[in-house]
PDB file of N, CA and C in Angstrom:
ATOM      1  N   MET A   1     142.908 224.661 157.311  1.00  0.00           N
ATOM      2  CA  MET A   1     142.741 224.007 156.020  1.00  0.00           C
ATOM      3  C   MET A   1     143.510 224.802 154.971  1.00  0.00           C
ATOM      4  N   GLY A   2     144.160 224.074 154.047  1.00  0.00           N
ATOM      5  CA  GLY A   2     144.880 224.717 152.954  1.00  0.00           C
ATOM      6  C   GLY A   2     143.951 225.077 151.806  1.00  0.00           C
ATOM      7  N   ARG A   3     144.543 225.501 150.708  1.00  0.00           N
ATOM      8  CA  ARG A   3     143.760 225.914 149.542  1.00  0.00           C
ATOM      9  C   ARG A   3     143.561 224.787 148.540  1.00  0.00           C
ATOM     10  N   LYS A   4     144.329 223.699 148.668  1.00  0.00           N
ATOM     11  CA  LYS A   4     144.287 222.617 147.682  1.00  0.00           C
ATOM     12  C   LYS A   4     143.337 221.510 148.135  1.00  0.00           C
ATOM     13  N   LEU A   5     142.453 221.097 147.205  1.00  0.00           N
ATOM     14  CA  LEU A   5     141.466 220.065 147.498  1.00  0.00           C
ATOM     15  C   LEU A   5     141.693 218.829 146.637  1.00  0.00           C
ATOM     16  N   PHE A   6     141.428 217.674 147.224  1.00  0.00           N
ATOM     17  CA  PHE A   6     141.407 216.403 146.502  1.00  0.00           C
ATOM     18  C   PHE A   6     139.951 216.145 146.124  1.00  0.00           C
ATOM     19  N   VAL A   7     139.723 215.777 144.872  1.00  0.00           N
ATOM     20  CA  VAL A   7     138.373 215.459 144.405  1.00  0.00           C
ATOM     21  C   VAL A   7     138.402 214.033 143.874  1.00  0.00           C
ATOM     22  N   GLY A   8     137.686 213.134 144.524  1.00  0.00           N
ATOM     23  CA  GLY A   8     137.684 211.729 144.139  1.00  0.00           C
ATOM     24  C   GLY A   8     136.339 211.273 143.613  1.00  0.00           C
ATOM     25  N   ASN A   9     136.331 210.046 143.106  1.00  0.00           N
ATOM     26  CA  ASN A   9     135.145 209.388 142.555  1.00  0.00           C
ATOM     27  C   ASN A   9     134.624 210.103 141.308  1.00  0.00           C
ATOM     28  N   LEU A  10     135.552 210.610 140.486  1.00  0.00           N
ATOM     29  CA  LEU A  10     135.159 211.305 139.259  1.00  0.00           C
ATOM     30  C   LEU A  10     134.748 210.322 138.178  1.00  0.00           C
ATOM     31  N   ALA A  11     133.737 210.701 137.413  1.00  0.00           N
ATOM     32  CA  ALA A  11     133.407 209.968 136.189  1.00  0.00           C
ATOM     33  C   ALA A  11     134.566 210.194 135.216  1.00  0.00           C
ATOM     34  N   TYR A  12     134.851 209.207 134.378  1.00  0.00           N
ATOM     35  CA  TYR A  12     136.007 209.313 133.492  1.00  0.00           C
ATOM     36  C   TYR A  12     135.877 210.423 132.458  1.00  0.00           C
ATOM     37  N   GLY A  13     134.658 210.903 132.204  1.00  0.00           N
ATOM     38  CA  GLY A  13     134.466 211.962 131.220  1.00  0.00           C
ATOM     39  C   GLY A  13     134.591 213.376 131.772  1.00  0.00           C
ATOM     40  N   VAL A  14     134.832 213.524 133.069  1.00  0.00           N
ATOM     41  CA  VAL A  14     134.937 214.852 133.682  1.00  0.00           C
ATOM     42  C   VAL A  14     136.237 215.518 133.245  1.00  0.00           C
ATOM     43  N   THR A  15     136.142 216.797 132.869  1.00  0.00           N
ATOM     44  CA  THR A  15     137.315 217.553 132.413  1.00  0.00           C
ATOM     45  C   THR A  15     137.725 218.599 133.449  1.00  0.00           C
ATOM     46  N   ASP A  16     138.917 219.173 133.228  1.00  0.00           N
ATOM     47  CA  ASP A  16     139.385 220.268 134.074  1.00  0.00           C
ATOM     48  C   ASP A  16     138.360 221.405 134.073  1.00  0.00           C
ATOM     49  N   ASP A  17     137.833 221.721 132.888  1.00  0.00           N
ATOM     50  CA  ASP A  17     136.852 222.810 132.767  1.00  0.00           C
ATOM     51  C   ASP A  17     135.571 222.522 133.550  1.00  0.00           C
ATOM     52  N   ASP A  18     135.108 221.263 133.527  1.00  0.00           N
ATOM     53  CA  ASP A  18     133.920 220.888 134.310  1.00  0.00           C
ATOM     54  C   ASP A  18     134.137 221.212 135.786  1.00  0.00           C
ATOM     55  N   LEU A  19     135.302 220.831 136.294  1.00  0.00           N
ATOM     56  CA  LEU A  19     135.602 221.062 137.711  1.00  0.00           C
ATOM     57  C   LEU A  19     135.762 222.546 138.006  1.00  0.00           C
ATOM     58  N   GLN A  20     136.426 223.261 137.108  1.00  0.00           N
ATOM     59  CA  GLN A  20     136.623 224.706 137.295  1.00  0.00           C
ATOM     60  C   GLN A  20     135.263 225.403 137.409  1.00  0.00           C
ATOM     61  N   GLN A  21     134.332 225.052 136.533  1.00  0.00           N
ATOM     62  CA  GLN A  21     132.996 225.660 136.574  1.00  0.00           C
ATOM     63  C   GLN A  21     132.262 225.308 137.865  1.00  0.00           C
ATOM     64  N   LEU A  22     132.326 224.041 138.263  1.00  0.00           N
ATOM     65  CA  LEU A  22     131.630 223.601 139.470  1.00  0.00           C
ATOM     66  C   LEU A  22     132.195 224.277 140.716  1.00  0.00           C
ATOM     67  N   PHE A  23     133.520 224.267 140.858  1.00  0.00           N
ATOM     68  CA  PHE A  23     134.137 224.805 142.072  1.00  0.00           C
ATOM     69  C   PHE A  23     134.067 226.330 142.126  1.00  0.00           C
ATOM     70  N   SER A  24     133.906 226.982 140.983  1.00  0.00           N
ATOM     71  CA  SER A  24     133.742 228.442 140.954  1.00  0.00           C
ATOM     72  C   SER A  24     132.430 228.873 141.603  1.00  0.00           C
ATOM     73  N   GLN A  25     131.487 227.950 141.746  1.00  0.00           N
ATOM     74  CA  GLN A  25     130.225 228.255 142.427  1.00  0.00           C
ATOM     75  C   GLN A  25     130.435 228.480 143.925  1.00  0.00           C
ATOM     76  N   ALA A  26     131.545 227.958 144.461  1.00  0.00           N
ATOM     77  CA  ALA A  26     131.803 228.045 145.895  1.00  0.00           C
ATOM     78  C   ALA A  26     132.840 229.110 146.245  1.00  0.00           C
ATOM     79  N   GLY A  27     133.478 229.710 145.251  1.00  0.00           N
ATOM     80  CA  GLY A  27     134.522 230.700 145.496  1.00  0.00           C
ATOM     81  C   GLY A  27     135.408 230.808 144.268  1.00  0.00           C
ATOM     82  N   THR A  28     136.539 231.472 144.420  1.00  0.00           N
ATOM     83  CA  THR A  28     137.451 231.647 143.296  1.00  0.00           C
ATOM     84  C   THR A  28     138.300 230.395 143.120  1.00  0.00           C
ATOM     85  N   CYS A  29     138.131 229.743 141.980  1.00  0.00           N
ATOM     86  CA  CYS A  29     138.874 228.525 141.658  1.00  0.00           C
ATOM     87  C   CYS A  29     140.045 228.913 140.760  1.00  0.00           C
ATOM     88  N   GLU A  30     141.271 228.734 141.257  1.00  0.00           N
ATOM     89  CA  GLU A  30     142.459 229.104 140.487  1.00  0.00           C
ATOM     90  C   GLU A  30     142.816 228.064 139.438  1.00  0.00           C
ATOM     91  N   SER A  31     142.656 226.782 139.774  1.00  0.00           N
ATOM     92  CA  SER A  31     142.980 225.727 138.810  1.00  0.00           C
ATOM     93  C   SER A  31     142.294 224.430 139.197  1.00  0.00           C
ATOM     94  N   ALA A  32     142.132 223.570 138.201  1.00  0.00           N
ATOM     95  CA  ALA A  32     141.571 222.236 138.411  1.00  0.00           C
ATOM     96  C   ALA A  32     142.292 221.304 137.454  1.00  0.00           C
ATOM     97  N   SER A  33     142.812 220.192 137.976  1.00  0.00           N
ATOM     98  CA  SER A  33     143.578 219.260 137.150  1.00  0.00           C
ATOM     99  C   SER A  33     143.141 217.828 137.402  1.00  0.00           C
ATOM    100  N   VAL A  34     142.514 217.229 136.393  1.00  0.00           N
ATOM    101  CA  VAL A  34     142.169 215.815 136.458  1.00  0.00           C
ATOM    102  C   VAL A  34     143.463 215.036 136.239  1.00  0.00           C
ATOM    103  N   VAL A  35     143.742 214.070 137.106  1.00  0.00           N
ATOM    104  CA  VAL A  35     144.968 213.281 137.002  1.00  0.00           C
ATOM    105  C   VAL A  35     144.745 212.148 136.009  1.00  0.00           C
ATOM    106  N   ALA A  36     145.659 212.046 135.035  1.00  0.00           N
ATOM    107  CA  ALA A  36     145.547 211.037 133.977  1.00  0.00           C
ATOM    108  C   ALA A  36     146.643 209.990 134.121  1.00  0.00           C
ATOM    109  N   ASP A  37     146.349 208.784 133.668  1.00  0.00           N
ATOM    110  CA  ASP A  37     147.326 207.704 133.621  1.00  0.00           C
ATOM    111  C   ASP A  37     148.432 208.098 132.647  1.00  0.00           C
ATOM    112  N   ARG A  38     149.682 207.921 133.036  1.00  0.00           N
ATOM    113  CA  ARG A  38     150.813 208.318 132.189  1.00  0.00           C
ATOM    114  C   ARG A  38     150.870 207.551 130.880  1.00  0.00           C
ATOM    115  N   GLU A  39     150.501 206.295 130.903  1.00  0.00           N
ATOM    116  CA  GLU A  39     150.610 205.461 129.704  1.00  0.00           C
ATOM    117  C   GLU A  39     149.414 205.602 128.772  1.00  0.00           C
ATOM    118  N   THR A  40     148.207 205.615 129.330  1.00  0.00           N
ATOM    119  CA  THR A  40     147.006 205.618 128.488  1.00  0.00           C
ATOM    120  C   THR A  40     146.416 207.011 128.275  1.00  0.00           C
ATOM    121  N   GLY A  41     146.740 207.941 129.161  1.00  0.00           N
ATOM    122  CA  GLY A  41     146.156 209.272 129.079  1.00  0.00           C
ATOM    123  C   GLY A  41     144.735 209.335 129.616  1.00  0.00           C
ATOM    124  N   GLN A  42     144.189 208.208 130.067  1.00  0.00           N
ATOM    125  CA  GLN A  42     142.827 208.145 130.610  1.00  0.00           C
ATOM    126  C   GLN A  42     142.806 208.663 132.047  1.00  0.00           C
ATOM    127  N   SER A  43     141.702 209.294 132.404  1.00  0.00           N
ATOM    128  CA  SER A  43     141.516 209.794 133.760  1.00  0.00           C
ATOM    129  C   SER A  43     141.687 208.663 134.768  1.00  0.00           C
ATOM    130  N   ARG A  44     142.315 208.985 135.896  1.00  0.00           N
ATOM    131  CA  ARG A  44     142.454 208.010 136.981  1.00  0.00           C
ATOM    132  C   ARG A  44     141.300 208.138 137.984  1.00  0.00           C
ATOM    133  N   GLY A  45     140.353 209.030 137.703  1.00  0.00           N
ATOM    134  CA  GLY A  45     139.168 209.138 138.549  1.00  0.00           C
ATOM    135  C   GLY A  45     139.307 210.085 139.723  1.00  0.00           C
ATOM    136  N   PHE A  46     140.361 210.904 139.726  1.00  0.00           N
ATOM    137  CA  PHE A  46     140.498 211.907 140.776  1.00  0.00           C
ATOM    138  C   PHE A  46     141.181 213.142 140.216  1.00  0.00           C
ATOM    139  N   ALA A  47     141.110 214.224 140.983  1.00  0.00           N
ATOM    140  CA  ALA A  47     141.666 215.501 140.531  1.00  0.00           C
ATOM    141  C   ALA A  47     142.103 216.320 141.738  1.00  0.00           C
ATOM    142  N   PHE A  48     142.816 217.391 141.440  1.00  0.00           N
ATOM    143  CA  PHE A  48     143.184 218.368 142.455  1.00  0.00           C
ATOM    144  C   PHE A  48     142.674 219.728 142.009  1.00  0.00           C
ATOM    145  N   VAL A  49     142.100 220.463 142.963  1.00  0.00           N
ATOM    146  CA  VAL A  49     141.557 221.792 142.692  1.00  0.00           C
ATOM    147  C   VAL A  49     142.237 222.766 143.646  1.00  0.00           C
ATOM    148  N   MET A  50     142.703 223.890 143.105  1.00  0.00           N
ATOM    149  CA  MET A  50     143.324 224.932 143.921  1.00  0.00           C
ATOM    150  C   MET A  50     142.369 226.118 144.000  1.00  0.00           C
ATOM    151  N   MET A  51     141.966 226.428 145.215  1.00  0.00           N
ATOM    152  CA  MET A  51     141.080 227.567 145.440  1.00  0.00           C
ATOM    153  C   MET A  51     141.931 228.784 145.817  1.00  0.00           C
ATOM    154  N   ALA A  52     141.357 229.988 145.708  1.00  0.00           N
ATOM    155  CA  ALA A  52     142.102 231.222 145.958  1.00  0.00           C
ATOM    156  C   ALA A  52     142.448 231.416 147.435  1.00  0.00           C
ATOM    157  N   SER A  53     141.630 230.885 148.326  1.00  0.00           N
ATOM    158  CA  SER A  53     141.882 231.056 149.758  1.00  0.00           C
ATOM    159  C   SER A  53     141.455 229.803 150.511  1.00  0.00           C
ATOM    160  N   ALA A  54     141.929 229.703 151.742  1.00  0.00           N
ATOM    161  CA  ALA A  54     141.531 228.582 152.595  1.00  0.00           C
ATOM    162  C   ALA A  54     140.026 228.634 152.877  1.00  0.00           C
ATOM    163  N   ASP A  55     139.483 229.841 152.997  1.00  0.00           N
ATOM    164  CA  ASP A  55     138.032 229.983 153.221  1.00  0.00           C
ATOM    165  C   ASP A  55     137.243 229.461 152.024  1.00  0.00           C
ATOM    166  N   ASP A  56     137.705 229.802 150.803  1.00  0.00           N
ATOM    167  CA  ASP A  56     137.047 229.295 149.592  1.00  0.00           C
ATOM    168  C   ASP A  56     137.127 227.771 149.539  1.00  0.00           C
ATOM    169  N   ALA A  57     138.284 227.223 149.925  1.00  0.00           N
ATOM    170  CA  ALA A  57     138.463 225.765 149.897  1.00  0.00           C
ATOM    171  C   ALA A  57     137.519 225.083 150.881  1.00  0.00           C
ATOM    172  N   GLU A  58     137.408 225.633 152.075  1.00  0.00           N
ATOM    173  CA  GLU A  58     136.517 225.049 153.088  1.00  0.00           C
ATOM    174  C   GLU A  58     135.059 225.136 152.630  1.00  0.00           C
ATOM    175  N   ARG A  59     134.684 226.272 152.060  1.00  0.00           N
ATOM    176  CA  ARG A  59     133.323 226.445 151.550  1.00  0.00           C
ATOM    177  C   ARG A  59     133.044 225.431 150.437  1.00  0.00           C
ATOM    178  N   ALA A  60     133.995 225.269 149.524  1.00  0.00           N
ATOM    179  CA  ALA A  60     133.826 224.318 148.417  1.00  0.00           C
ATOM    180  C   ALA A  60     133.696 222.894 148.950  1.00  0.00           C
ATOM    181  N   ARG A  61     134.518 222.548 149.938  1.00  0.00           N
ATOM    182  CA  ARG A  61     134.451 221.197 150.506  1.00  0.00           C
ATOM    183  C   ARG A  61     133.073 220.943 151.108  1.00  0.00           C
ATOM    184  N   LYS A  62     132.588 221.902 151.876  1.00  0.00           N
ATOM    185  CA  LYS A  62     131.285 221.736 152.530  1.00  0.00           C
ATOM    186  C   LYS A  62     130.138 221.695 151.520  1.00  0.00           C
ATOM    187  N   GLN A  63     130.198 222.552 150.505  1.00  0.00           N
ATOM    188  CA  GLN A  63     129.102 222.636 149.532  1.00  0.00           C
ATOM    189  C   GLN A  63     129.106 221.491 148.528  1.00  0.00           C
ATOM    190  N   LEU A  64     130.296 221.032 148.133  1.00  0.00           N
ATOM    191  CA  LEU A  64     130.374 220.136 146.980  1.00  0.00           C
ATOM    192  C   LEU A  64     130.652 218.673 147.311  1.00  0.00           C
ATOM    193  N   ASP A  65     131.054 218.367 148.537  1.00  0.00           N
ATOM    194  CA  ASP A  65     131.268 216.965 148.905  1.00  0.00           C
ATOM    195  C   ASP A  65     129.929 216.237 148.807  1.00  0.00           C
ATOM    196  N   GLY A  66     129.880 215.179 148.021  1.00  0.00           N
ATOM    197  CA  GLY A  66     128.648 214.417 147.831  1.00  0.00           C
ATOM    198  C   GLY A  66     127.805 214.888 146.658  1.00  0.00           C
ATOM    199  N   THR A  67     128.233 215.968 145.997  1.00  0.00           N
ATOM    200  CA  THR A  67     127.508 216.493 144.834  1.00  0.00           C
ATOM    201  C   THR A  67     127.600 215.520 143.668  1.00  0.00           C
ATOM    202  N   ASP A  68     126.516 215.384 142.915  1.00  0.00           N
ATOM    203  CA  ASP A  68     126.506 214.533 141.731  1.00  0.00           C
ATOM    204  C   ASP A  68     127.085 215.298 140.543  1.00  0.00           C
ATOM    205  N   LEU A  69     128.071 214.711 139.872  1.00  0.00           N
ATOM    206  CA  LEU A  69     128.640 215.277 138.649  1.00  0.00           C
ATOM    207  C   LEU A  69     128.778 214.155 137.636  1.00  0.00           C
ATOM    208  N   LYS A  70     128.005 214.246 136.573  1.00  0.00           N
ATOM    209  CA  LYS A  70     128.000 213.246 135.497  1.00  0.00           C
ATOM    210  C   LYS A  70     127.748 211.834 136.030  1.00  0.00           C
ATOM    211  N   GLY A  71     126.793 211.742 136.978  1.00  0.00           N
ATOM    212  CA  GLY A  71     126.366 210.443 137.474  1.00  0.00           C
ATOM    213  C   GLY A  71     127.190 209.859 138.604  1.00  0.00           C
ATOM    214  N   ARG A  72     128.167 210.599 139.123  1.00  0.00           N
ATOM    215  CA  ARG A  72     128.985 210.108 140.247  1.00  0.00           C
ATOM    216  C   ARG A  72     128.932 211.117 141.385  1.00  0.00           C
ATOM    217  N   ARG A  73     128.904 210.615 142.623  1.00  0.00           N
ATOM    218  CA  ARG A  73     128.917 211.486 143.801  1.00  0.00           C
ATOM    219  C   ARG A  73     130.364 211.829 144.134  1.00  0.00           C
ATOM    220  N   LEU A  74     130.698 213.101 144.054  1.00  0.00           N
ATOM    221  CA  LEU A  74     132.062 213.552 144.305  1.00  0.00           C
ATOM    222  C   LEU A  74     132.451 213.387 145.766  1.00  0.00           C
ATOM    223  N   ARG A  75     133.708 213.075 145.968  1.00  0.00           N
ATOM    224  CA  ARG A  75     134.303 213.077 147.303  1.00  0.00           C
ATOM    225  C   ARG A  75     135.296 214.235 147.320  1.00  0.00           C
ATOM    226  N   VAL A  76     135.039 215.230 148.137  1.00  0.00           N
ATOM    227  CA  VAL A  76     135.892 216.418 148.198  1.00  0.00           C
ATOM    228  C   VAL A  76     136.503 216.494 149.586  1.00  0.00           C
ATOM    229  N   ASP A  77     137.829 216.595 149.628  1.00  0.00           N
ATOM    230  CA  ASP A  77     138.546 216.623 150.890  1.00  0.00           C
ATOM    231  C   ASP A  77     139.785 217.488 150.748  1.00  0.00           C
ATOM    232  N   GLU A  78     140.359 217.879 151.867  1.00  0.00           N
ATOM    233  CA  GLU A  78     141.623 218.612 151.819  1.00  0.00           C
ATOM    234  C   GLU A  78     142.689 217.694 151.234  1.00  0.00           C
ATOM    235  N   ALA A  79     143.514 218.225 150.341  1.00  0.00           N
ATOM    236  CA  ALA A  79     144.563 217.423 149.715  1.00  0.00           C
ATOM    237  C   ALA A  79     145.710 217.201 150.694  1.00  0.00           C
ATOM    238  N   ASN A  80     146.325 216.030 150.607  1.00  0.00           N
ATOM    239  CA  ASN A  80     147.541 215.751 151.363  1.00  0.00           C
ATOM    240  C   ASN A  80     148.691 216.499 150.717  1.00  0.00           C
ATOM    241  N   ASP A  81     149.852 216.497 151.359  1.00  0.00           N
ATOM    242  CA  ASP A  81     151.033 217.140 150.787  1.00  0.00           C
ATOM    243  C   ASP A  81     151.552 216.386 149.575  1.00  0.00           C
ATOM    244  N   GLN A  82     151.243 215.095 149.468  1.00  0.00           N
ATOM    245  CA  GLN A  82     151.731 214.297 148.345  1.00  0.00           C
ATOM    246  C   GLN A  82     150.965 214.664 147.093  1.00  0.00           C
ATOM    247  N   SER A  83     151.610 214.521 145.942  1.00  0.00           N
ATOM    248  CA  SER A  83     150.972 214.905 144.688  1.00  0.00           C
ATOM    249  C   SER A  83     149.943 213.883 144.225  1.00  0.00           C
ATOM    250  N   THR A  84     150.127 212.613 144.558  1.00  0.00           N
ATOM    251  CA  THR A  84     149.155 211.600 144.175  1.00  0.00           C
ATOM    252  C   THR A  84     149.017 210.585 145.296  1.00  0.00           C
ATOM    253  N   PRO A  85     147.834 209.978 145.422  1.00  0.00           N
ATOM    254  CA  PRO A  85     147.682 208.932 146.431  1.00  0.00           C
ATOM    255  C   PRO A  85     148.647 207.786 146.141  1.00  0.00           C
ATOM    256  N   GLY A  86     149.193 207.205 147.181  1.00  0.00           N
ATOM    257  CA  GLY A  86     150.124 206.095 146.991  1.00  0.00           C
ATOM    258  C   GLY A  86     151.554 206.557 146.782  1.00  0.00           C
ATOM    259  N   ALA A  87     151.797 207.864 146.849  1.00  0.00           N
ATOM    260  CA  ALA A  87     153.148 208.373 146.619  1.00  0.00           C
ATOM    261  C   ALA A  87     153.914 208.496 147.932  1.00  0.00           C
ATOM    262  N   ARG A  88     153.503 207.753 148.924  1.00  0.00           N
ATOM    263  CA  ARG A  88     154.169 207.802 150.224  1.00  0.00           C
ATOM    264  C   ARG A  88     155.580 207.241 150.119  1.00  0.00           C
ATOM    265  N   ALA A  89     156.407 207.647 151.056  1.00  0.00           N
ATOM    266  CA  ALA A  89     157.768 207.108 151.092  1.00  0.00           C
ATOM    267  C   ALA A  89     157.694 205.605 151.372  1.00  0.00           C
ATOM    268  N   ARG A  90     158.470 204.864 150.665  1.00  0.00           N
ATOM    269  CA  ARG A  90     158.476 203.407 150.827  1.00  0.00           C
ATOM    270  C   ARG A  90     159.457 203.021 151.932  1.00  0.00           C
ATOM    271  N   ARG A  91     159.087 202.017 152.700  1.00  0.00           N
ATOM    272  CA  ARG A  91     159.993 201.518 153.725  1.00  0.00           C
ATOM    273  C   ARG A  91     160.970 200.548 153.086  1.00  0.00           C
ATOM    274  N   PRO A  92     162.212 200.567 153.527  1.00  0.00           N
ATOM    275  CA  PRO A  92     163.171 199.606 152.964  1.00  0.00           C
ATOM    276  C   PRO A  92     162.786 198.185 153.353  1.00  0.00           C
ATOM    277  N   GLY A  93     163.230 197.256 152.579  1.00  0.00           N
ATOM    278  CA  GLY A  93     162.925 195.856 152.859  1.00  0.00           C
ATOM    279  C   GLY A  93     162.533 195.162 151.586  1.00  0.00           C
ATOM    280  N   GLY A  94     161.911 194.054 151.709  1.00  0.00           N
ATOM    281  CA  GLY A  94     161.479 193.338 150.526  1.00  0.00           C
ATOM    282  C   GLY A  94     162.386 192.174 150.229  1.00  0.00           C
ATOM    283  N   ARG A  95     162.665 191.958 148.970  1.00  0.00           N
ATOM    284  CA  ARG A  95     163.386 190.759 148.565  1.00  0.00           C
ATOM    285  C   ARG A  95     164.844 191.010 148.194  1.00  0.00           C
ATOM    286  N   GLY A  96     165.391 192.096 148.661  1.00  0.00           N
ATOM    287  CA  GLY A  96     166.799 192.385 148.389  1.00  0.00           C
ATOM    288  C   GLY A  96     167.703 191.510 149.238  1.00  0.00           C
ATOM    289  N   PRO A  97     169.009 191.763 149.220  1.00  0.00           N
ATOM    290  CA  PRO A  97     169.957 190.975 150.024  1.00  0.00           C
ATOM    291  C   PRO A  97     169.536 190.945 151.489  1.00  0.00           C
ATOM    292  N   GLY A  98     169.497 189.774 152.044  1.00  0.00           N
ATOM    293  CA  GLY A  98     169.110 189.609 153.435  1.00  0.00           C
ATOM    294  C   GLY A  98     167.609 189.585 153.641  1.00  0.00           C
ATOM    295  N   GLY A  99     166.855 189.702 152.559  1.00  0.00           N
ATOM    296  CA  GLY A  99     165.399 189.712 152.655  1.00  0.00           C
ATOM    297  C   GLY A  99     164.843 188.311 152.769  1.00  0.00           C
ATOM    298  N   ALA A 100     163.562 188.195 152.699  1.00  0.00           N
ATOM    299  CA  ALA A 100     162.865 186.928 152.894  1.00  0.00           C
ATOM    300  C   ALA A 100     163.325 185.864 151.910  1.00  0.00           C
ATOM    301  N   SER A 101     163.613 186.247 150.673  1.00  0.00           N
ATOM    302  CA  SER A 101     163.962 185.234 149.681  1.00  0.00           C
ATOM    303  C   SER A 101     165.281 184.543 150.007  1.00  0.00           C
ATOM    304  N   GLU A 102     166.216 185.257 150.642  1.00  0.00           N
ATOM    305  CA  GLU A 102     167.493 184.624 150.988  1.00  0.00           C
ATOM    306  C   GLU A 102     167.387 183.790 152.255  1.00  0.00           C
ATOM    307  N   ARG A 103     166.527 184.158 153.161  1.00  0.00           N
ATOM    308  CA  ARG A 103     166.391 183.407 154.409  1.00  0.00           C
ATOM    309  C   ARG A 103     165.772 182.044 154.183  1.00  0.00           C
ATOM    310  N   HIS A 104     165.008 181.883 153.133  1.00  0.00           N
ATOM    311  CA  HIS A 104     164.287 180.631 152.919  1.00  0.00           C
ATOM    312  C   HIS A 104     164.883 179.774 151.813  1.00  0.00           C
ATOM    313  N   ARG A 105     166.099 180.053 151.436  1.00  0.00           N
ATOM    314  CA  ARG A 105     166.733 179.223 150.407  1.00  0.00           C
ATOM    315  C   ARG A 105     167.151 177.887 151.002  1.00  0.00           C
ATOM    316  N   PRO A 106     167.031 176.818 150.232  1.00  0.00           N
ATOM    317  CA  PRO A 106     167.432 175.491 150.733  1.00  0.00           C
ATOM    318  C   PRO A 106     168.930 175.351 150.876  1.00  0.00           C
TER     319      PRO A 106
END
């Protein structure tokens, strides 16, 4: 397990400091970042937390997954290599030249 954790199902009022305080109960928390919408600045309901060691991260995952924070049950898991969910590489295709839209033209 790595040191970076994904924290999901956050209440919109949760701050970086809230997470830093909570995760510090399980070990040394180096940083906590709630991900915000680029246009509105509103929380997207998830965050990333960096723990000092893989052991601290595993301990935090075990202790805090399912914990209630501001009325929501947190989902804590090891973070993927991608910076945000849905940032996977896209497969080519779609409606470009030779795509479905050209095959069905009258």
